């Protein structure tokens, strides 16, 4: 039987406190990064994959805590050239990131800062400060998608069209899937293939932060 050592803390954020949650997840983040690097190592040295993968075009993508892991992996592993975080706090995941291309995708309500109070509000504020600082210093993209909630960035929209059963926002499932496919593929095409760009959508408000002038740097468009 496998039990979680974190379930209690995460199910009661207010009782646990923002500082304890941040410390807990910062430690867990290192486990996820090591797991990701292990997978990359195994793929890179697997005989049956030899010559089949282009290691100059590696990107990372994750949702929620997976988004934090995608950013932390970007800073920790030189094989990873760019990353996308879909609606996740970062928990120190930006500490080693520099000018590598990044894109943050958030639910629409995240744009209204200060909406949460207590420990959750502190977690929001700390993460906003980390992302703001990284974008201002190293550039990147940040987008807010109207009508979405946290689970719209997963396959929950395929479970049922009834939103109260999926805990998703008012945006239609097919529409958010179209938006996410377009934005994520456009980002990776631009930064791993050197062609294409992140498309615009009426539901999306995009913030673009310029990358400092560095020779050979991708454009994050």
N, C-alpha and C. Protein backbone atom coordinates (compact mmCIF):
# COMPACT_ATOMS: atom_id res chain seq x y z
N UNK A 1 0.84 -1.19 0.00
CA UNK A 1 0.00 0.00 0.00
C UNK A 1 0.88 1.24 0.00
N UNK A 2 0.56 2.20 -0.86
CA UNK A 2 1.31 3.44 -0.96
C UNK A 2 0.45 4.58 -0.44
N UNK A 3 0.98 5.34 0.51
CA UNK A 3 0.26 6.49 1.04
C UNK A 3 1.06 7.75 0.80
N UNK A 4 0.36 8.87 0.69
CA UNK A 4 1.01 10.15 0.44
C UNK A 4 1.46 10.79 1.75
N UNK A 5 2.65 11.36 1.75
CA UNK A 5 3.13 12.09 2.91
C UNK A 5 2.73 13.56 2.86
N UNK A 6 2.11 13.97 1.74
CA UNK A 6 1.78 15.37 1.55
C UNK A 6 0.29 15.65 1.49
N UNK A 7 -0.51 14.60 1.41
CA UNK A 7 -1.95 14.79 1.19
C UNK A 7 -2.59 15.66 2.26
N UNK A 8 -2.23 15.42 3.53
CA UNK A 8 -2.84 16.19 4.61
C UNK A 8 -2.54 17.66 4.51
N UNK A 9 -1.28 17.98 4.24
CA UNK A 9 -0.88 19.38 4.14
C UNK A 9 -1.56 20.07 2.98
N UNK A 10 -1.66 19.37 1.87
CA UNK A 10 -2.22 20.00 0.67
C UNK A 10 -3.73 20.10 0.71
N UNK A 11 -4.38 19.26 1.49
CA UNK A 11 -5.84 19.32 1.57
C UNK A 11 -6.31 20.41 2.53
N UNK A 12 -5.39 20.93 3.34
CA UNK A 12 -5.75 21.99 4.28
C UNK A 12 -4.64 23.03 4.28
N UNK A 13 -4.63 23.84 3.23
CA UNK A 13 -3.57 24.83 3.04
C UNK A 13 -3.54 25.82 4.20
N UNK A 14 -4.71 26.27 4.64
CA UNK A 14 -4.75 27.30 5.68
C UNK A 14 -4.16 26.80 7.00
N UNK A 15 -4.45 25.55 7.34
CA UNK A 15 -3.93 25.01 8.59
C UNK A 15 -2.43 24.76 8.50
N UNK A 16 -1.95 24.38 7.33
CA UNK A 16 -0.54 24.07 7.15
C UNK A 16 0.30 25.33 7.06
N UNK A 17 -0.20 26.34 6.36
CA UNK A 17 0.52 27.59 6.21
C UNK A 17 1.29 27.65 4.91
N UNK A 18 1.37 28.86 4.34
CA UNK A 18 2.02 29.04 3.04
C UNK A 18 3.49 28.67 3.08
N UNK A 19 4.20 29.06 4.14
CA UNK A 19 5.62 28.78 4.21
C UNK A 19 5.92 27.30 4.21
N UNK A 20 5.14 26.52 4.97
CA UNK A 20 5.35 25.08 5.03
C UNK A 20 5.02 24.43 3.68
N UNK A 21 3.95 24.90 3.03
CA UNK A 21 3.59 24.36 1.72
C UNK A 21 4.70 24.63 0.71
N UNK A 22 5.21 25.85 0.70
CA UNK A 22 6.27 26.21 -0.25
C UNK A 22 7.52 25.37 -0.01
N UNK A 23 7.91 25.17 1.24
CA UNK A 23 9.09 24.38 1.54
C UNK A 23 8.89 22.92 1.14
N UNK A 24 7.70 22.39 1.41
CA UNK A 24 7.39 21.00 1.07
C UNK A 24 7.48 20.78 -0.43
N UNK A 25 6.84 21.64 -1.19
CA UNK A 25 6.81 21.47 -2.64
C UNK A 25 8.14 21.80 -3.29
N UNK A 26 8.92 22.71 -2.69
CA UNK A 26 10.26 22.98 -3.23
C UNK A 26 11.13 21.73 -3.15
N UNK A 27 10.99 20.98 -2.05
CA UNK A 27 11.74 19.71 -1.93
C UNK A 27 11.23 18.68 -2.93
N UNK A 28 9.91 18.57 -3.03
CA UNK A 28 9.34 17.60 -3.96
C UNK A 28 9.71 17.92 -5.40
N UNK A 29 9.85 19.20 -5.70
CA UNK A 29 10.20 19.61 -7.05
C UNK A 29 11.52 19.00 -7.50
N UNK A 30 12.48 18.92 -6.60
CA UNK A 30 13.76 18.33 -6.95
C UNK A 30 13.63 16.84 -7.31
N UNK A 31 12.69 16.15 -6.66
CA UNK A 31 12.44 14.75 -6.98
C UNK A 31 11.89 14.64 -8.40
N UNK A 32 10.95 15.50 -8.74
CA UNK A 32 10.36 15.45 -10.07
C UNK A 32 11.42 15.76 -11.14
N UNK A 33 12.27 16.73 -10.88
CA UNK A 33 13.32 17.08 -11.85
C UNK A 33 14.28 15.91 -12.05
N UNK A 34 14.67 15.27 -10.96
CA UNK A 34 15.56 14.11 -11.10
C UNK A 34 14.88 12.99 -11.87
N UNK A 35 13.58 12.79 -11.65
CA UNK A 35 12.84 11.79 -12.42
C UNK A 35 12.85 12.14 -13.91
N UNK A 36 12.59 13.41 -14.22
CA UNK A 36 12.58 13.85 -15.62
C UNK A 36 13.95 13.66 -16.26
N UNK A 37 15.00 14.02 -15.53
CA UNK A 37 16.35 13.86 -16.08
C UNK A 37 16.70 12.39 -16.29
N UNK A 38 16.21 11.54 -15.38
CA UNK A 38 16.43 10.10 -15.55
C UNK A 38 15.80 9.60 -16.85
N UNK A 39 14.57 10.05 -17.12
CA UNK A 39 13.91 9.65 -18.36
C UNK A 39 14.69 10.14 -19.59
N UNK A 40 15.14 11.39 -19.54
CA UNK A 40 15.93 11.91 -20.66
C UNK A 40 17.21 11.11 -20.84
N UNK A 41 17.87 10.78 -19.75
CA UNK A 41 19.10 9.98 -19.82
C UNK A 41 18.84 8.63 -20.48
N UNK A 42 17.76 7.98 -20.06
CA UNK A 42 17.44 6.66 -20.61
C UNK A 42 17.12 6.75 -22.10
N UNK A 43 16.40 7.78 -22.50
CA UNK A 43 16.08 7.95 -23.91
C UNK A 43 17.32 8.27 -24.74
N UNK A 44 18.20 9.09 -24.16
CA UNK A 44 19.40 9.50 -24.91
C UNK A 44 20.35 8.33 -25.16
N UNK A 45 20.38 7.39 -24.22
CA UNK A 45 21.34 6.29 -24.32
C UNK A 45 20.71 4.96 -24.74
N UNK A 46 19.44 4.98 -25.08
CA UNK A 46 18.77 3.75 -25.52
C UNK A 46 19.18 3.42 -26.96
N UNK A 47 19.67 2.22 -27.16
CA UNK A 47 20.13 1.81 -28.50
C UNK A 47 19.01 1.90 -29.53
N UNK A 48 17.80 1.50 -29.13
CA UNK A 48 16.71 1.46 -30.11
C UNK A 48 16.22 2.85 -30.52
N UNK A 49 16.65 3.90 -29.76
CA UNK A 49 16.29 5.26 -30.13
C UNK A 49 17.45 6.01 -30.79
N UNK A 50 18.59 5.35 -30.90
CA UNK A 50 19.77 6.00 -31.45
C UNK A 50 19.50 6.54 -32.85
N UNK A 51 19.76 7.82 -33.06
CA UNK A 51 19.56 8.44 -34.36
C UNK A 51 18.13 8.81 -34.67
N UNK A 52 17.20 8.52 -33.77
CA UNK A 52 15.78 8.79 -34.01
C UNK A 52 15.30 10.10 -33.38
N UNK A 53 16.06 10.62 -32.43
CA UNK A 53 15.65 11.82 -31.71
C UNK A 53 16.63 12.95 -31.97
N UNK A 54 16.09 14.16 -32.11
CA UNK A 54 16.90 15.35 -32.31
C UNK A 54 17.08 16.04 -30.96
N UNK A 55 18.24 15.89 -30.35
CA UNK A 55 18.46 16.41 -29.01
C UNK A 55 18.74 17.91 -28.98
N UNK A 56 18.73 18.52 -30.14
CA UNK A 56 18.82 19.99 -30.18
C UNK A 56 17.45 20.63 -30.09
N UNK A 57 16.39 19.80 -30.05
CA UNK A 57 15.02 20.30 -30.04
C UNK A 57 14.22 19.65 -28.93
N UNK A 58 14.62 19.90 -27.70
CA UNK A 58 13.94 19.34 -26.54
C UNK A 58 13.24 20.46 -25.78
N UNK A 59 11.96 20.29 -25.54
CA UNK A 59 11.20 21.24 -24.74
C UNK A 59 10.46 20.52 -23.64
N UNK A 60 10.04 21.25 -22.62
CA UNK A 60 9.29 20.65 -21.51
C UNK A 60 7.94 21.34 -21.37
N UNK A 61 6.96 20.56 -20.90
CA UNK A 61 5.58 21.03 -20.79
C UNK A 61 4.96 20.38 -19.58
N UNK A 62 4.22 21.16 -18.79
CA UNK A 62 3.54 20.57 -17.65
C UNK A 62 2.37 21.41 -17.19
N UNK A 63 1.44 20.74 -16.49
CA UNK A 63 0.27 21.41 -15.92
C UNK A 63 0.35 21.37 -14.41
N UNK A 64 -0.07 22.45 -13.75
CA UNK A 64 -0.10 22.54 -12.29
C UNK A 64 1.30 22.33 -11.74
N UNK A 65 1.51 21.38 -10.83
CA UNK A 65 2.87 21.16 -10.32
C UNK A 65 3.80 20.66 -11.42
N UNK A 66 3.23 20.00 -12.42
CA UNK A 66 4.02 19.62 -13.58
C UNK A 66 4.56 20.83 -14.31
N UNK A 67 3.83 21.96 -14.24
CA UNK A 67 4.33 23.19 -14.83
C UNK A 67 5.55 23.71 -14.10
N UNK A 68 5.53 23.60 -12.76
CA UNK A 68 6.71 23.97 -11.98
C UNK A 68 7.88 23.08 -12.36
N UNK A 69 7.62 21.77 -12.52
CA UNK A 69 8.69 20.85 -12.89
C UNK A 69 9.24 21.17 -14.27
N UNK A 70 8.38 21.58 -15.20
CA UNK A 70 8.86 21.90 -16.54
C UNK A 70 9.81 23.08 -16.51
N UNK A 71 9.52 24.08 -15.67
CA UNK A 71 10.40 25.24 -15.56
C UNK A 71 11.70 24.89 -14.83
N UNK A 72 11.60 24.09 -13.78
CA UNK A 72 12.80 23.70 -13.04
C UNK A 72 13.71 22.84 -13.92
N UNK A 73 13.13 21.96 -14.72
CA UNK A 73 13.93 21.12 -15.62
C UNK A 73 14.65 21.99 -16.64
N UNK A 74 13.99 23.02 -17.13
CA UNK A 74 14.59 23.94 -18.09
C UNK A 74 15.86 24.57 -17.51
N UNK A 75 15.82 24.96 -16.25
CA UNK A 75 16.98 25.58 -15.64
C UNK A 75 18.06 24.60 -15.26
N UNK A 76 17.67 23.32 -15.04
CA UNK A 76 18.62 22.33 -14.53
C UNK A 76 19.31 21.52 -15.61
N UNK A 77 18.69 21.35 -16.76
CA UNK A 77 19.20 20.45 -17.79
C UNK A 77 19.41 21.19 -19.10
N UNK A 78 20.65 21.25 -19.56
CA UNK A 78 20.96 22.02 -20.77
C UNK A 78 20.36 21.42 -22.02
N UNK A 79 19.91 20.18 -21.96
CA UNK A 79 19.26 19.58 -23.13
C UNK A 79 17.91 20.23 -23.41
N UNK A 80 17.28 20.79 -22.39
CA UNK A 80 15.96 21.38 -22.53
C UNK A 80 16.10 22.84 -22.93
N UNK A 81 15.50 23.20 -24.07
CA UNK A 81 15.71 24.52 -24.65
C UNK A 81 14.59 25.52 -24.34
N UNK A 82 13.39 25.06 -24.01
CA UNK A 82 12.27 25.96 -23.74
C UNK A 82 11.23 25.21 -22.93
N UNK A 83 10.28 25.94 -22.33
CA UNK A 83 9.32 25.28 -21.45
C UNK A 83 7.99 26.03 -21.42
N UNK A 84 6.93 25.27 -21.15
CA UNK A 84 5.58 25.81 -20.97
C UNK A 84 5.04 25.37 -19.62
N UNK A 85 4.50 26.32 -18.88
CA UNK A 85 3.85 26.04 -17.59
C UNK A 85 2.37 26.36 -17.77
N UNK A 86 1.52 25.35 -17.60
CA UNK A 86 0.08 25.54 -17.74
C UNK A 86 -0.57 25.62 -16.35
N UNK A 87 -0.81 26.86 -15.91
CA UNK A 87 -1.58 27.16 -14.71
C UNK A 87 -1.00 26.51 -13.45
N UNK A 88 0.30 26.66 -13.27
CA UNK A 88 0.92 26.11 -12.07
C UNK A 88 1.77 27.13 -11.32
N UNK A 89 1.75 27.06 -9.97
CA UNK A 89 2.74 27.79 -9.19
C UNK A 89 4.12 27.23 -9.54
N UNK A 90 5.19 27.95 -9.20
CA UNK A 90 6.53 27.52 -9.64
C UNK A 90 7.41 26.96 -8.53
N UNK A 91 7.17 27.30 -7.27
CA UNK A 91 7.89 26.69 -6.14
C UNK A 91 9.41 26.61 -6.36
N UNK A 92 10.04 27.73 -6.58
CA UNK A 92 11.49 27.82 -6.81
C UNK A 92 11.93 27.25 -8.16
N UNK A 93 10.98 26.90 -9.00
CA UNK A 93 11.32 26.31 -10.29
C UNK A 93 11.97 27.27 -11.26
N UNK A 94 11.94 28.56 -10.95
CA UNK A 94 12.55 29.55 -11.83
C UNK A 94 13.93 29.99 -11.35
N UNK A 95 14.42 29.41 -10.28
CA UNK A 95 15.64 29.89 -9.66
C UNK A 95 16.86 29.80 -10.58
N UNK A 96 16.89 28.79 -11.46
CA UNK A 96 18.05 28.59 -12.34
C UNK A 96 17.76 28.95 -13.79
N UNK A 97 16.57 29.45 -14.05
CA UNK A 97 16.22 29.82 -15.42
C UNK A 97 16.88 31.15 -15.79
N UNK A 98 17.37 31.25 -17.04
CA UNK A 98 17.87 32.53 -17.52
C UNK A 98 17.05 32.94 -18.75
N UNK A 99 17.67 33.08 -19.90
CA UNK A 99 16.94 33.60 -21.06
C UNK A 99 16.32 32.53 -21.95
N UNK A 100 16.24 31.29 -21.47
CA UNK A 100 15.57 30.27 -22.27
C UNK A 100 14.10 30.66 -22.46
N UNK A 101 13.54 30.41 -23.64
CA UNK A 101 12.14 30.78 -23.90
C UNK A 101 11.16 30.06 -22.98
N UNK A 102 10.20 30.81 -22.45
CA UNK A 102 9.17 30.24 -21.60
C UNK A 102 7.82 30.84 -21.95
N UNK A 103 6.77 30.07 -21.65
CA UNK A 103 5.41 30.58 -21.79
C UNK A 103 4.59 30.08 -20.60
N UNK A 104 3.90 31.02 -19.96
CA UNK A 104 3.00 30.71 -18.84
C UNK A 104 1.57 30.90 -19.33
N UNK A 105 0.74 29.88 -19.14
CA UNK A 105 -0.68 29.95 -19.49
C UNK A 105 -1.49 29.86 -18.21
N UNK A 106 -2.39 30.83 -17.99
CA UNK A 106 -3.15 30.88 -16.75
C UNK A 106 -4.65 30.93 -17.00
N UNK A 107 -5.42 30.43 -16.02
CA UNK A 107 -6.87 30.59 -16.07
C UNK A 107 -7.21 32.07 -15.99
N UNK A 108 -8.37 32.42 -16.53
CA UNK A 108 -8.73 33.82 -16.65
C UNK A 108 -8.76 34.58 -15.34
N UNK A 109 -9.23 33.93 -14.26
CA UNK A 109 -9.36 34.64 -12.99
C UNK A 109 -8.01 35.00 -12.38
N UNK A 110 -6.94 34.34 -12.81
CA UNK A 110 -5.61 34.61 -12.25
C UNK A 110 -5.15 36.03 -12.55
N UNK A 111 -5.74 36.64 -13.58
CA UNK A 111 -5.36 38.00 -13.94
C UNK A 111 -5.76 39.00 -12.86
N UNK A 112 -6.83 38.68 -12.12
CA UNK A 112 -7.30 39.56 -11.04
C UNK A 112 -6.55 39.21 -9.76
N UNK A 113 -5.44 39.87 -9.53
CA UNK A 113 -4.60 39.55 -8.39
C UNK A 113 -5.28 39.96 -7.08
N UNK A 114 -4.95 39.25 -6.03
CA UNK A 114 -5.53 39.54 -4.73
C UNK A 114 -6.88 38.91 -4.52
N UNK A 115 -7.30 38.01 -5.41
CA UNK A 115 -8.62 37.40 -5.28
C UNK A 115 -8.66 36.39 -4.14
N UNK A 116 -7.50 35.82 -3.79
CA UNK A 116 -7.43 34.86 -2.69
C UNK A 116 -6.82 35.53 -1.46
N UNK A 117 -7.17 35.02 -0.28
CA UNK A 117 -6.65 35.57 0.97
C UNK A 117 -5.99 34.44 1.75
N UNK A 118 -5.46 34.78 2.92
CA UNK A 118 -4.85 33.77 3.78
C UNK A 118 -3.64 33.12 3.15
N UNK A 119 -3.43 31.84 3.47
CA UNK A 119 -2.26 31.13 2.98
C UNK A 119 -2.27 31.02 1.45
N UNK A 120 -3.44 30.77 0.87
CA UNK A 120 -3.50 30.67 -0.59
C UNK A 120 -3.17 32.00 -1.24
N UNK A 121 -3.60 33.10 -0.63
CA UNK A 121 -3.25 34.41 -1.15
C UNK A 121 -1.75 34.66 -1.08
N UNK A 122 -1.12 34.18 0.00
CA UNK A 122 0.34 34.33 0.13
C UNK A 122 1.05 33.50 -0.93
N UNK A 123 0.57 32.30 -1.19
CA UNK A 123 1.16 31.47 -2.24
C UNK A 123 1.02 32.15 -3.60
N UNK A 124 -0.15 32.72 -3.86
CA UNK A 124 -0.35 33.47 -5.11
C UNK A 124 0.64 34.62 -5.22
N UNK A 125 0.75 35.41 -4.15
CA UNK A 125 1.61 36.59 -4.19
C UNK A 125 3.08 36.22 -4.38
N UNK A 126 3.52 35.19 -3.69
CA UNK A 126 4.91 34.76 -3.82
C UNK A 126 5.21 34.28 -5.23
N UNK A 127 4.26 33.53 -5.80
CA UNK A 127 4.50 33.01 -7.15
C UNK A 127 4.43 34.13 -8.18
N UNK A 128 3.48 35.05 -8.03
CA UNK A 128 3.41 36.19 -8.95
C UNK A 128 4.72 36.97 -8.94
N UNK A 129 5.29 37.15 -7.76
CA UNK A 129 6.55 37.89 -7.65
C UNK A 129 7.67 37.15 -8.36
N UNK A 130 7.72 35.82 -8.21
CA UNK A 130 8.77 35.03 -8.86
C UNK A 130 8.64 35.09 -10.38
N UNK A 131 7.41 34.93 -10.88
CA UNK A 131 7.20 34.96 -12.33
C UNK A 131 7.43 36.36 -12.88
N UNK A 132 6.91 37.38 -12.19
CA UNK A 132 7.14 38.76 -12.63
C UNK A 132 8.64 39.05 -12.74
N UNK A 133 9.40 38.65 -11.75
CA UNK A 133 10.83 38.92 -11.75
C UNK A 133 11.56 38.20 -12.86
N UNK A 134 11.20 36.94 -13.09
CA UNK A 134 11.86 36.17 -14.14
C UNK A 134 11.55 36.73 -15.53
N UNK A 135 10.28 37.08 -15.75
CA UNK A 135 9.90 37.64 -17.05
C UNK A 135 10.55 39.00 -17.29
N UNK A 136 10.58 39.84 -16.26
CA UNK A 136 11.18 41.17 -16.41
C UNK A 136 12.67 41.07 -16.69
N UNK A 137 13.32 40.11 -16.06
CA UNK A 137 14.78 40.00 -16.21
C UNK A 137 15.21 39.24 -17.45
N UNK A 138 14.46 38.17 -17.78
CA UNK A 138 14.92 37.28 -18.84
C UNK A 138 13.97 37.15 -20.02
N UNK A 139 12.82 37.79 -19.97
CA UNK A 139 11.87 37.72 -21.07
C UNK A 139 10.97 36.50 -21.00
N UNK A 140 9.99 36.46 -21.90
CA UNK A 140 9.07 35.33 -21.96
C UNK A 140 7.66 35.77 -22.29
N UNK A 141 6.74 34.81 -22.28
CA UNK A 141 5.34 35.05 -22.60
C UNK A 141 4.47 34.63 -21.42
N UNK A 142 3.42 35.43 -21.19
CA UNK A 142 2.43 35.08 -20.17
C UNK A 142 1.06 35.38 -20.74
N UNK A 143 0.15 34.40 -20.66
CA UNK A 143 -1.18 34.56 -21.23
C UNK A 143 -2.26 34.18 -20.23
N UNK A 144 -3.36 34.93 -20.25
CA UNK A 144 -4.54 34.64 -19.45
C UNK A 144 -5.67 34.28 -20.42
N UNK A 145 -6.32 33.14 -20.16
CA UNK A 145 -7.35 32.65 -21.07
C UNK A 145 -8.72 32.77 -20.41
N UNK A 146 -9.54 33.65 -20.93
CA UNK A 146 -10.85 33.92 -20.34
C UNK A 146 -11.74 32.69 -20.37
N UNK A 147 -12.54 32.53 -19.31
CA UNK A 147 -13.50 31.43 -19.26
C UNK A 147 -12.93 30.11 -18.81
N UNK A 148 -11.67 30.08 -18.44
CA UNK A 148 -11.06 28.82 -18.03
C UNK A 148 -10.90 28.72 -16.53
N UNK A 149 -10.81 27.49 -16.05
CA UNK A 149 -10.42 27.18 -14.69
C UNK A 149 -9.27 26.18 -14.74
N UNK A 150 -8.75 25.82 -13.58
CA UNK A 150 -7.53 25.03 -13.51
C UNK A 150 -7.59 23.74 -14.34
N UNK A 151 -8.73 23.05 -14.30
CA UNK A 151 -8.81 21.76 -14.97
C UNK A 151 -9.12 21.86 -16.46
N UNK A 152 -9.35 23.07 -16.95
CA UNK A 152 -9.50 23.23 -18.40
C UNK A 152 -8.19 22.94 -19.14
N UNK A 153 -7.07 22.96 -18.42
CA UNK A 153 -5.78 22.71 -19.03
C UNK A 153 -5.42 21.22 -19.04
N UNK A 154 -6.38 20.38 -18.69
CA UNK A 154 -6.20 18.93 -18.70
C UNK A 154 -7.21 18.31 -19.66
N UNK A 155 -7.30 16.98 -19.66
CA UNK A 155 -8.28 16.30 -20.50
C UNK A 155 -9.65 16.18 -19.82
N UNK A 156 -9.86 16.90 -18.72
CA UNK A 156 -11.17 16.90 -18.05
C UNK A 156 -12.28 17.35 -19.00
N UNK A 157 -11.95 18.23 -19.94
CA UNK A 157 -12.98 18.72 -20.87
C UNK A 157 -13.50 17.61 -21.77
N UNK A 158 -12.83 16.47 -21.81
CA UNK A 158 -13.29 15.34 -22.62
C UNK A 158 -14.21 14.41 -21.82
N UNK A 159 -14.26 14.60 -20.50
CA UNK A 159 -15.02 13.68 -19.65
C UNK A 159 -16.51 13.85 -19.84
N UNK A 160 -16.98 15.10 -19.85
CA UNK A 160 -18.41 15.38 -19.95
C UNK A 160 -18.60 16.83 -20.39
N UNK A 161 -19.66 17.11 -21.14
CA UNK A 161 -19.97 18.50 -21.46
C UNK A 161 -20.61 19.25 -20.30
N UNK A 162 -20.95 18.55 -19.22
CA UNK A 162 -21.57 19.16 -18.06
C UNK A 162 -20.46 19.67 -17.14
N UNK A 163 -20.35 20.99 -17.04
CA UNK A 163 -19.21 21.58 -16.34
C UNK A 163 -19.19 21.26 -14.85
N UNK A 164 -20.33 21.10 -14.23
CA UNK A 164 -20.33 20.80 -12.80
C UNK A 164 -19.77 19.41 -12.52
N UNK A 165 -19.67 18.57 -13.54
CA UNK A 165 -19.09 17.24 -13.38
C UNK A 165 -17.59 17.23 -13.64
N UNK A 166 -17.11 18.27 -14.29
CA UNK A 166 -15.69 18.30 -14.66
C UNK A 166 -14.91 19.39 -13.94
N UNK A 167 -15.59 20.26 -13.22
CA UNK A 167 -14.94 21.37 -12.49
C UNK A 167 -14.12 22.24 -13.44
N UNK A 168 -14.68 22.51 -14.60
CA UNK A 168 -14.03 23.36 -15.59
C UNK A 168 -14.81 24.66 -15.73
N UNK A 169 -14.26 25.61 -16.48
CA UNK A 169 -14.88 26.91 -16.64
C UNK A 169 -15.95 26.93 -17.71
N UNK A 170 -16.53 28.10 -17.95
CA UNK A 170 -17.62 28.21 -18.92
C UNK A 170 -17.19 28.08 -20.38
N UNK A 171 -15.89 28.17 -20.65
CA UNK A 171 -15.44 28.03 -22.03
C UNK A 171 -15.76 26.61 -22.52
N UNK A 172 -16.14 26.48 -23.77
CA UNK A 172 -16.47 25.17 -24.32
C UNK A 172 -15.23 24.30 -24.43
N UNK A 173 -15.40 23.01 -24.18
CA UNK A 173 -14.27 22.10 -24.18
C UNK A 173 -13.50 22.09 -25.48
N UNK A 174 -14.20 22.01 -26.60
CA UNK A 174 -13.52 21.98 -27.90
C UNK A 174 -12.77 23.27 -28.15
N UNK A 175 -13.31 24.38 -27.65
CA UNK A 175 -12.66 25.67 -27.86
C UNK A 175 -11.35 25.76 -27.09
N UNK A 176 -11.34 25.37 -25.82
CA UNK A 176 -10.11 25.48 -25.06
C UNK A 176 -9.08 24.49 -25.59
N UNK A 177 -9.50 23.34 -26.06
CA UNK A 177 -8.54 22.40 -26.64
C UNK A 177 -7.92 22.98 -27.91
N UNK A 178 -8.71 23.69 -28.70
CA UNK A 178 -8.18 24.34 -29.90
C UNK A 178 -7.17 25.42 -29.52
N UNK A 179 -7.49 26.21 -28.51
CA UNK A 179 -6.60 27.29 -28.07
C UNK A 179 -5.29 26.71 -27.54
N UNK A 180 -5.38 25.71 -26.68
CA UNK A 180 -4.16 25.15 -26.09
C UNK A 180 -3.29 24.48 -27.14
N UNK A 181 -3.92 23.72 -28.04
CA UNK A 181 -3.12 23.09 -29.10
C UNK A 181 -2.41 24.15 -29.93
N UNK A 182 -3.14 25.19 -30.30
CA UNK A 182 -2.55 26.22 -31.14
C UNK A 182 -1.41 26.95 -30.46
N UNK A 183 -1.59 27.32 -29.20
CA UNK A 183 -0.58 28.09 -28.50
C UNK A 183 0.66 27.26 -28.17
N UNK A 184 0.45 26.04 -27.70
CA UNK A 184 1.59 25.21 -27.32
C UNK A 184 2.39 24.78 -28.54
N UNK A 185 1.70 24.31 -29.58
CA UNK A 185 2.41 23.91 -30.80
C UNK A 185 3.11 25.11 -31.43
N UNK A 186 2.44 26.26 -31.46
CA UNK A 186 3.06 27.46 -32.02
C UNK A 186 4.32 27.86 -31.26
N UNK A 187 4.27 27.77 -29.93
CA UNK A 187 5.44 28.11 -29.11
C UNK A 187 6.60 27.18 -29.39
N UNK A 188 6.34 25.88 -29.41
CA UNK A 188 7.42 24.93 -29.64
C UNK A 188 7.93 25.01 -31.08
N UNK A 189 7.05 25.23 -32.04
CA UNK A 189 7.51 25.40 -33.42
C UNK A 189 8.45 26.59 -33.54
N UNK A 190 8.08 27.70 -32.90
CA UNK A 190 8.90 28.91 -32.99
C UNK A 190 10.25 28.72 -32.33
N UNK A 191 10.28 28.05 -31.20
CA UNK A 191 11.50 28.00 -30.40
C UNK A 191 12.33 26.74 -30.56
N UNK A 192 11.76 25.70 -31.16
CA UNK A 192 12.52 24.49 -31.42
C UNK A 192 12.78 24.25 -32.90
N UNK A 193 11.89 24.77 -33.74
CA UNK A 193 12.04 24.58 -35.18
C UNK A 193 12.43 25.86 -35.92
N UNK A 194 12.27 27.00 -35.23
CA UNK A 194 12.62 28.27 -35.86
C UNK A 194 11.61 28.76 -36.85
N UNK A 195 10.38 28.24 -36.79
CA UNK A 195 9.32 28.68 -37.70
C UNK A 195 8.00 28.71 -36.96
N UNK A 196 7.08 29.57 -37.43
CA UNK A 196 5.78 29.66 -36.78
C UNK A 196 5.80 30.63 -35.62
N UNK A 197 4.64 30.78 -34.99
CA UNK A 197 4.50 31.67 -33.85
C UNK A 197 3.26 31.29 -33.05
N UNK A 198 3.15 31.82 -31.84
CA UNK A 198 1.99 31.56 -31.01
C UNK A 198 0.82 32.36 -31.58
N UNK A 199 -0.26 31.68 -31.99
CA UNK A 199 -1.39 32.41 -32.58
C UNK A 199 -2.18 33.17 -31.53
N UNK A 200 -2.90 34.18 -31.99
CA UNK A 200 -3.78 34.94 -31.12
C UNK A 200 -5.19 34.39 -31.14
N UNK A 201 -5.90 34.55 -30.04
CA UNK A 201 -7.30 34.15 -29.92
C UNK A 201 -8.03 35.25 -29.16
N UNK A 202 -9.32 35.47 -29.46
CA UNK A 202 -10.07 36.52 -28.76
C UNK A 202 -10.12 36.31 -27.25
N UNK A 203 -10.10 35.07 -26.81
CA UNK A 203 -10.19 34.78 -25.37
C UNK A 203 -8.87 34.99 -24.63
N UNK A 204 -7.80 35.20 -25.36
CA UNK A 204 -6.46 35.23 -24.76
C UNK A 204 -5.91 36.64 -24.69
N UNK A 205 -5.44 37.01 -23.49
CA UNK A 205 -4.68 38.26 -23.37
C UNK A 205 -3.22 37.89 -23.14
N UNK A 206 -2.39 38.23 -24.11
CA UNK A 206 -0.98 37.85 -24.08
C UNK A 206 -0.11 39.00 -23.61
N UNK A 207 0.81 38.70 -22.73
CA UNK A 207 1.86 39.64 -22.32
C UNK A 207 3.18 39.14 -22.89
N UNK A 208 3.90 40.00 -23.57
CA UNK A 208 5.19 39.63 -24.17
C UNK A 208 6.29 40.44 -23.52
N UNK A 209 7.26 39.75 -22.96
CA UNK A 209 8.40 40.39 -22.32
C UNK A 209 9.64 40.13 -23.18
N UNK A 210 10.30 41.18 -23.65
CA UNK A 210 11.44 40.98 -24.55
C UNK A 210 12.61 40.28 -23.86
N UNK A 211 13.30 39.48 -24.65
CA UNK A 211 14.50 38.81 -24.16
C UNK A 211 15.68 39.76 -24.30
N UNK A 212 16.54 39.85 -23.31
CA UNK A 212 17.75 40.65 -23.47
C UNK A 212 18.55 40.20 -24.68
N UNK A 213 19.25 41.11 -25.30
CA UNK A 213 20.01 40.80 -26.52
C UNK A 213 21.13 39.82 -26.19
N UNK A 214 20.94 38.56 -26.57
CA UNK A 214 21.94 37.51 -26.37
C UNK A 214 22.12 36.78 -27.69
N UNK A 215 23.33 36.63 -28.12
CA UNK A 215 23.61 35.99 -29.41
C UNK A 215 23.05 34.59 -29.47
N UNK A 216 22.29 34.30 -30.53
CA UNK A 216 21.76 32.98 -30.76
C UNK A 216 20.52 32.65 -29.96
N UNK A 217 19.95 33.60 -29.26
CA UNK A 217 18.79 33.32 -28.41
C UNK A 217 17.51 33.19 -29.24
N UNK A 218 16.64 32.26 -28.87
CA UNK A 218 15.36 32.11 -29.54
C UNK A 218 14.48 33.33 -29.28
N UNK A 219 13.41 33.44 -30.06
CA UNK A 219 12.62 34.67 -30.03
C UNK A 219 11.32 34.56 -29.23
N UNK A 220 10.89 33.37 -28.84
CA UNK A 220 9.70 33.19 -27.98
C UNK A 220 8.43 33.77 -28.59
N UNK A 221 8.31 33.86 -29.87
CA UNK A 221 7.21 34.61 -30.47
C UNK A 221 5.86 33.90 -30.37
